[in-house]
Amino acid sequence: MTRSFWILCVGLVGAVGASGALGLRWNASSSVEPGLYLVERARPLERGDLVTVCLPEPVARWARGRGYLRRGRCPGDSKPVGKRIAGLEGDLVEVSGHAVAVNGRRLLGSIRVDSDARGRPVPLAPEGEFLLGAGEVWLHSGRLGRSLDSRIYGPLREQQIQSVLVPLWTSEED
């Protein structure tokens, strides 16, 4: 390893400590941009934030049984998932048979598919209009058409969010 690599590592560790962040996380999954992220403590959430979230136990057990999630510390013995916040309290989410819109704007990559890559059926959140209530969020990947996001499980509670991920370097910045 080069000297500059080690200087960068020490600088990152110092920055993490000074920021009050929880640490660093490397993401290699394809549901969010692969890269290195700063893991922040809970803070006021904004649309577009990349968050880690524990799925509701029944959804997590189903997803683990299908092989979508690895074993982890969340209910259902699963790892948290990383998704972007597409909707917050007061937002109108419109779920149709074709796509999802938030406040009248269609989410990029929100086409709803009723089967996984192996052709197995997947449950879908019901169609209709939903006004997100106090403490509710709508999560979306935008990267994968078959991503495990709110198109399947509907809105989640803010309390299920574990952290906010701030990109330090992603492969898409090249």
C-alpha atoms as a PDB file:
ATOM      1  CA  MET A   1       0.000   0.000   0.000  1.00  0.00           C
ATOM      2  CA  THR A   2       1.193   3.476  -0.807  1.00  0.00           C
ATOM      3  CA  ARG A   3       1.816   6.210   1.687  1.00  0.00           C
ATOM      4  CA  SER A   4      -0.939   8.351   0.144  1.00  0.00           C
ATOM      5  CA  PHE A   5      -3.446   5.499   0.626  1.00  0.00           C
ATOM      6  CA  TRP A   6      -2.651   5.356   4.348  1.00  0.00           C
ATOM      7  CA  ILE A   7      -2.839   9.147   4.660  1.00  0.00           C
ATOM      8  CA  LEU A   8      -6.275   9.019   3.029  1.00  0.00           C
ATOM      9  CA  CYS A   9      -7.391   6.283   5.463  1.00  0.00           C
ATOM     10  CA  VAL A  10      -6.209   8.240   8.499  1.00  0.00           C
ATOM     11  CA  GLY A  11      -7.931  11.363   7.159  1.00  0.00           C
ATOM     12  CA  LEU A  12     -11.195   9.483   6.663  1.00  0.00           C
ATOM     13  CA  VAL A  13     -11.072   8.036  10.175  1.00  0.00           C
ATOM     14  CA  GLY A  14     -10.422  11.532  11.554  1.00  0.00           C
ATOM     15  CA  ALA A  15     -13.286  12.984   9.524  1.00  0.00           C
ATOM     16  CA  VAL A  16     -15.638  10.279  10.742  1.00  0.00           C
ATOM     17  CA  GLY A  17     -14.693  10.941  14.363  1.00  0.00           C
ATOM     18  CA  ALA A  18     -14.998  14.709  14.016  1.00  0.00           C
ATOM     19  CA  SER A  19     -18.377  14.514  12.278  1.00  0.00           C
ATOM     20  CA  GLY A  20     -20.026  12.403  14.956  1.00  0.00           C
ATOM     21  CA  ALA A  21     -20.841   9.812  12.321  1.00  0.00           C
ATOM     22  CA  LEU A  22     -21.211   6.141  13.149  1.00  0.00           C
ATOM     23  CA  GLY A  23     -18.494   5.035  10.747  1.00  0.00           C
ATOM     24  CA  LEU A  24     -17.871   4.035   7.176  1.00  0.00           C
ATOM     25  CA  ARG A  25     -19.660   1.454   5.060  1.00  0.00           C
ATOM     26  CA  TRP A  26     -18.652  -0.131   1.786  1.00  0.00           C
ATOM     27  CA  ASN A  27     -21.607  -1.048  -0.408  1.00  0.00           C
ATOM     28  CA  ALA A  28     -21.155  -3.584  -3.187  1.00  0.00           C
ATOM     29  CA  SER A  29     -24.853  -4.324  -3.773  1.00  0.00           C
ATOM     30  CA  SER A  30     -26.475  -3.123  -6.961  1.00  0.00           C
ATOM     31  CA  SER A  31     -29.626  -1.673  -5.386  1.00  0.00           C
ATOM     32  CA  VAL A  32     -27.730   1.535  -4.577  1.00  0.00           C
ATOM     33  CA  GLU A  33     -24.568   2.995  -6.074  1.00  0.00           C
ATOM     34  CA  PRO A  34     -21.576   0.787  -5.184  1.00  0.00           C
ATOM     35  CA  GLY A  35     -19.073   2.776  -3.148  1.00  0.00           C
ATOM     36  CA  LEU A  36     -17.855   4.077   0.187  1.00  0.00           C
ATOM     37  CA  TYR A  37     -20.350   5.865   2.449  1.00  0.00           C
ATOM     38  CA  LEU A  38     -20.229   7.825   5.678  1.00  0.00           C
ATOM     39  CA  VAL A  39     -22.833   6.406   8.085  1.00  0.00           C
ATOM     40  CA  GLU A  40     -24.596   9.252   9.895  1.00  0.00           C
ATOM     41  CA  ARG A  41     -26.706   9.181  13.002  1.00  0.00           C
ATOM     42  CA  ALA A  42     -30.398   9.828  12.618  1.00  0.00           C
ATOM     43  CA  ARG A  43     -31.118  13.377  11.488  1.00  0.00           C
ATOM     44  CA  PRO A  44     -34.052  15.145   9.882  1.00  0.00           C
ATOM     45  CA  LEU A  45     -34.818  13.153   6.749  1.00  0.00           C
ATOM     46  CA  GLU A  46     -35.121  14.575   3.251  1.00  0.00           C
ATOM     47  CA  ARG A  47     -36.396  13.217  -0.048  1.00  0.00           C
ATOM     48  CA  GLY A  48     -33.471  11.657  -1.871  1.00  0.00           C
ATOM     49  CA  ASP A  49     -31.612  10.610   1.298  1.00  0.00           C
ATOM     50  CA  LEU A  50     -30.021   7.198   1.068  1.00  0.00           C
ATOM     51  CA  VAL A  51     -30.931   5.287   4.213  1.00  0.00           C
ATOM     52  CA  THR A  52     -30.433   1.859   5.703  1.00  0.00           C
ATOM     53  CA  VAL A  53     -33.639   0.354   7.022  1.00  0.00           C
ATOM     54  CA  CYS A  54     -34.764  -2.822   8.747  1.00  0.00           C
ATOM     55  CA  LEU A  55     -37.721  -4.280   6.889  1.00  0.00           C
ATOM     56  CA  PRO A  56     -40.816  -5.426   8.801  1.00  0.00           C
ATOM     57  CA  GLU A  57     -40.237  -8.939  10.141  1.00  0.00           C
ATOM     58  CA  PRO A  58     -42.692 -10.771   7.830  1.00  0.00           C
ATOM     59  CA  VAL A  59     -41.181  -9.079   4.754  1.00  0.00           C
ATOM     60  CA  ALA A  60     -37.628  -9.758   5.976  1.00  0.00           C
ATOM     61  CA  ARG A  61     -38.359 -13.463   6.627  1.00  0.00           C
ATOM     62  CA  TRP A  62     -39.939 -13.809   3.169  1.00  0.00           C
ATOM     63  CA  ALA A  63     -36.980 -12.035   1.529  1.00  0.00           C
ATOM     64  CA  ARG A  64     -34.437 -14.172   3.461  1.00  0.00           C
ATOM     65  CA  GLY A  65     -36.310 -17.303   2.431  1.00  0.00           C
ATOM     66  CA  ARG A  66     -36.082 -16.222  -1.202  1.00  0.00           C
ATOM     67  CA  GLY A  67     -32.358 -15.480  -0.887  1.00  0.00           C
ATOM     68  CA  TYR A  68     -32.772 -11.727  -1.450  1.00  0.00           C
ATOM     69  CA  LEU A  69     -31.258 -10.787   1.928  1.00  0.00           C
ATOM     70  CA  ARG A  70     -28.410 -12.144   4.021  1.00  0.00           C
ATOM     71  CA  ARG A  71     -28.539 -12.971   7.711  1.00  0.00           C
ATOM     72  CA  GLY A  72     -28.213  -9.895   9.932  1.00  0.00           C
ATOM     73  CA  ARG A  73     -29.237  -7.956  13.022  1.00  0.00           C
ATOM     74  CA  CYS A  74     -32.689  -6.777  11.902  1.00  0.00           C
ATOM     75  CA  PRO A  75     -36.020  -8.447  12.747  1.00  0.00           C
ATOM     76  CA  GLY A  76     -36.468 -11.553  10.645  1.00  0.00           C
ATOM     77  CA  ASP A  77     -32.740 -12.236  11.096  1.00  0.00           C
ATOM     78  CA  SER A  78     -31.874 -10.115   8.050  1.00  0.00           C
ATOM     79  CA  LYS A  79     -29.483  -7.363   7.105  1.00  0.00           C
ATOM     80  CA  PRO A  80     -30.770  -3.830   6.648  1.00  0.00           C
ATOM     81  CA  VAL A  81     -31.377  -2.686   3.085  1.00  0.00           C
ATOM     82  CA  GLY A  82     -30.224   0.556   1.485  1.00  0.00           C
ATOM     83  CA  LYS A  83     -32.865   2.621  -0.323  1.00  0.00           C
ATOM     84  CA  ARG A  84     -33.582   6.243  -1.186  1.00  0.00           C
ATOM     85  CA  ILE A  85     -36.421   8.172   0.416  1.00  0.00           C
ATOM     86  CA  ALA A  86     -38.911   9.036  -2.336  1.00  0.00           C
ATOM     87  CA  GLY A  87     -41.738  10.249  -0.095  1.00  0.00           C
ATOM     88  CA  LEU A  88     -42.211  11.705   3.384  1.00  0.00           C
ATOM     89  CA  GLU A  89     -45.128  12.670   5.631  1.00  0.00           C
ATOM     90  CA  GLY A  90     -47.752  14.604   3.673  1.00  0.00           C
ATOM     91  CA  ASP A  91     -46.659  13.323   0.250  1.00  0.00           C
ATOM     92  CA  LEU A  92     -49.216  11.722  -2.054  1.00  0.00           C
ATOM     93  CA  VAL A  93     -48.035   8.382  -3.437  1.00  0.00           C
ATOM     94  CA  GLU A  94     -49.909   7.078  -6.478  1.00  0.00           C
ATOM     95  CA  VAL A  95     -49.403   3.373  -7.150  1.00  0.00           C
ATOM     96  CA  SER A  96     -50.737   2.119 -10.473  1.00  0.00           C
ATOM     97  CA  GLY A  97     -50.364  -1.154 -12.291  1.00  0.00           C
ATOM     98  CA  HIS A  98     -47.560   0.436 -14.274  1.00  0.00           C
ATOM     99  CA  ALA A  99     -45.494   2.707 -12.037  1.00  0.00           C
ATOM    100  CA  VAL A 100     -45.325   4.815  -8.876  1.00  0.00           C
ATOM    101  CA  ALA A 101     -45.592   8.603  -8.649  1.00  0.00           C
ATOM    102  CA  VAL A 102     -44.972  10.868  -5.669  1.00  0.00           C
ATOM    103  CA  ASN A 103     -46.792  14.214  -5.671  1.00  0.00           C
ATOM    104  CA  GLY A 104     -47.628  13.712  -9.347  1.00  0.00           C
ATOM    105  CA  ARG A 105     -44.059  12.950 -10.467  1.00  0.00           C
ATOM    106  CA  ARG A 106     -43.380   9.453 -11.726  1.00  0.00           C
ATOM    107  CA  LEU A 107     -40.404   7.817 -10.025  1.00  0.00           C
ATOM    108  CA  LEU A 108     -37.657   6.836 -12.445  1.00  0.00           C
ATOM    109  CA  GLY A 109     -37.341   3.052 -12.536  1.00  0.00           C
ATOM    110  CA  SER A 110     -40.638   2.463 -10.725  1.00  0.00           C
ATOM    111  CA  ILE A 111     -42.259   0.078 -13.178  1.00  0.00           C
ATOM    112  CA  ARG A 112     -44.009  -2.586 -11.124  1.00  0.00           C
ATOM    113  CA  VAL A 113     -43.179  -6.198 -11.891  1.00  0.00           C
ATOM    114  CA  ASP A 114     -45.013  -9.090 -10.300  1.00  0.00           C
ATOM    115  CA  SER A 115     -42.194 -11.650 -10.508  1.00  0.00           C
ATOM    116  CA  ASP A 116     -38.536 -11.869  -9.552  1.00  0.00           C
ATOM    117  CA  ALA A 117     -35.619 -12.632 -11.879  1.00  0.00           C
ATOM    118  CA  ARG A 118     -36.393 -16.369 -11.561  1.00  0.00           C
ATOM    119  CA  GLY A 119     -40.042 -15.880 -12.514  1.00  0.00           C
ATOM    120  CA  ARG A 120     -41.359 -16.432  -8.975  1.00  0.00           C
ATOM    121  CA  PRO A 121     -44.342 -14.251  -8.042  1.00  0.00           C
ATOM    122  CA  VAL A 122     -43.751 -11.343  -5.664  1.00  0.00           C
ATOM    123  CA  PRO A 123     -46.371  -9.507  -3.638  1.00  0.00           C
ATOM    124  CA  LEU A 124     -46.994  -5.896  -4.556  1.00  0.00           C
ATOM    125  CA  ALA A 125     -48.235  -2.980  -2.492  1.00  0.00           C
ATOM    126  CA  PRO A 126     -51.884  -2.346  -3.388  1.00  0.00           C
ATOM    127  CA  GLU A 127     -52.735   0.070  -6.165  1.00  0.00           C
ATOM    128  CA  GLY A 128     -54.267   3.409  -5.279  1.00  0.00           C
ATOM    129  CA  GLU A 129     -53.436   6.784  -3.790  1.00  0.00           C
ATOM    130  CA  PHE A 130     -51.819   6.968  -0.373  1.00  0.00           C
ATOM    131  CA  LEU A 131     -51.232  10.097   1.665  1.00  0.00           C
ATOM    132  CA  LEU A 132     -48.175   9.359   3.790  1.00  0.00           C
ATOM    133  CA  GLY A 133     -48.990   9.867   7.449  1.00  0.00           C
ATOM    134  CA  ALA A 134     -46.922  11.066  10.379  1.00  0.00           C
ATOM    135  CA  GLY A 135     -43.624   9.195  10.508  1.00  0.00           C
ATOM    136  CA  GLU A 136     -44.148   7.310   7.230  1.00  0.00           C
ATOM    137  CA  VAL A 137     -41.643   7.104   4.362  1.00  0.00           C
ATOM    138  CA  TRP A 138     -41.812   5.639   0.847  1.00  0.00           C
ATOM    139  CA  LEU A 139     -38.544   3.982  -0.197  1.00  0.00           C
ATOM    140  CA  HIS A 140     -37.350   3.436  -3.734  1.00  0.00           C
ATOM    141  CA  SER A 141     -34.269   2.032  -5.421  1.00  0.00           C
ATOM    142  CA  GLY A 142     -34.496   3.538  -8.880  1.00  0.00           C
ATOM    143  CA  ARG A 143     -31.576   1.359  -9.964  1.00  0.00           C
ATOM    144  CA  LEU A 144     -33.170  -2.064 -10.248  1.00  0.00           C
ATOM    145  CA  GLY A 145     -36.560  -2.839 -11.720  1.00  0.00           C
ATOM    146  CA  ARG A 146     -36.991  -5.729  -9.309  1.00  0.00           C
ATOM    147  CA  SER A 147     -35.594  -4.047  -6.204  1.00  0.00           C
ATOM    148  CA  LEU A 148     -36.992  -4.842  -2.764  1.00  0.00           C
ATOM    149  CA  ASP A 149     -38.522  -1.422  -2.093  1.00  0.00           C
ATOM    150  CA  SER A 150     -41.889   0.110  -1.161  1.00  0.00           C
ATOM    151  CA  ARG A 151     -43.423  -1.126  -4.432  1.00  0.00           C
ATOM    152  CA  ILE A 152     -43.519  -4.484  -2.615  1.00  0.00           C
ATOM    153  CA  TYR A 153     -44.016  -3.650   1.067  1.00  0.00           C
ATOM    154  CA  GLY A 154     -45.627  -0.189   0.968  1.00  0.00           C
ATOM    155  CA  PRO A 155     -44.683   2.686   3.272  1.00  0.00           C
ATOM    156  CA  LEU A 156     -42.460   2.107   6.301  1.00  0.00           C
ATOM    157  CA  ARG A 157     -42.110   3.886   9.639  1.00  0.00           C
ATOM    158  CA  GLU A 158     -39.228   6.316  10.136  1.00  0.00           C
ATOM    159  CA  GLN A 159     -38.308   4.330  13.271  1.00  0.00           C
ATOM    160  CA  GLN A 160     -37.213   1.460  11.015  1.00  0.00           C
ATOM    161  CA  ILE A 161     -34.470   3.638   9.535  1.00  0.00           C
ATOM    162  CA  GLN A 162     -31.086   2.737  10.987  1.00  0.00           C
ATOM    163  CA  SER A 163     -28.879   5.402   9.430  1.00  0.00           C
ATOM    164  CA  VAL A 164     -28.374   7.871   6.598  1.00  0.00           C
ATOM    165  CA  LEU A 165     -25.575   7.093   4.128  1.00  0.00           C
ATOM    166  CA  VAL A 166     -23.591   9.988   2.674  1.00  0.00           C
ATOM    167  CA  PRO A 167     -21.480   9.063  -0.365  1.00  0.00           C
ATOM    168  CA  LEU A 168     -17.753   9.661  -0.038  1.00  0.00           C
ATOM    169  CA  TRP A 169     -16.913   7.825  -3.274  1.00  0.00           C
ATOM    170  CA  THR A 170     -19.118   5.847  -5.643  1.00  0.00           C
ATOM    171  CA  SER A 171     -18.262   3.978  -8.793  1.00  0.00           C
ATOM    172  CA  GLU A 172     -20.623   6.234 -10.739  1.00  0.00           C
ATOM    173  CA  GLU A 173     -18.471   9.307 -10.057  1.00  0.00           C
ATOM    174  CA  ASP A 174     -15.780   8.098 -12.488  1.00  0.00           C
END
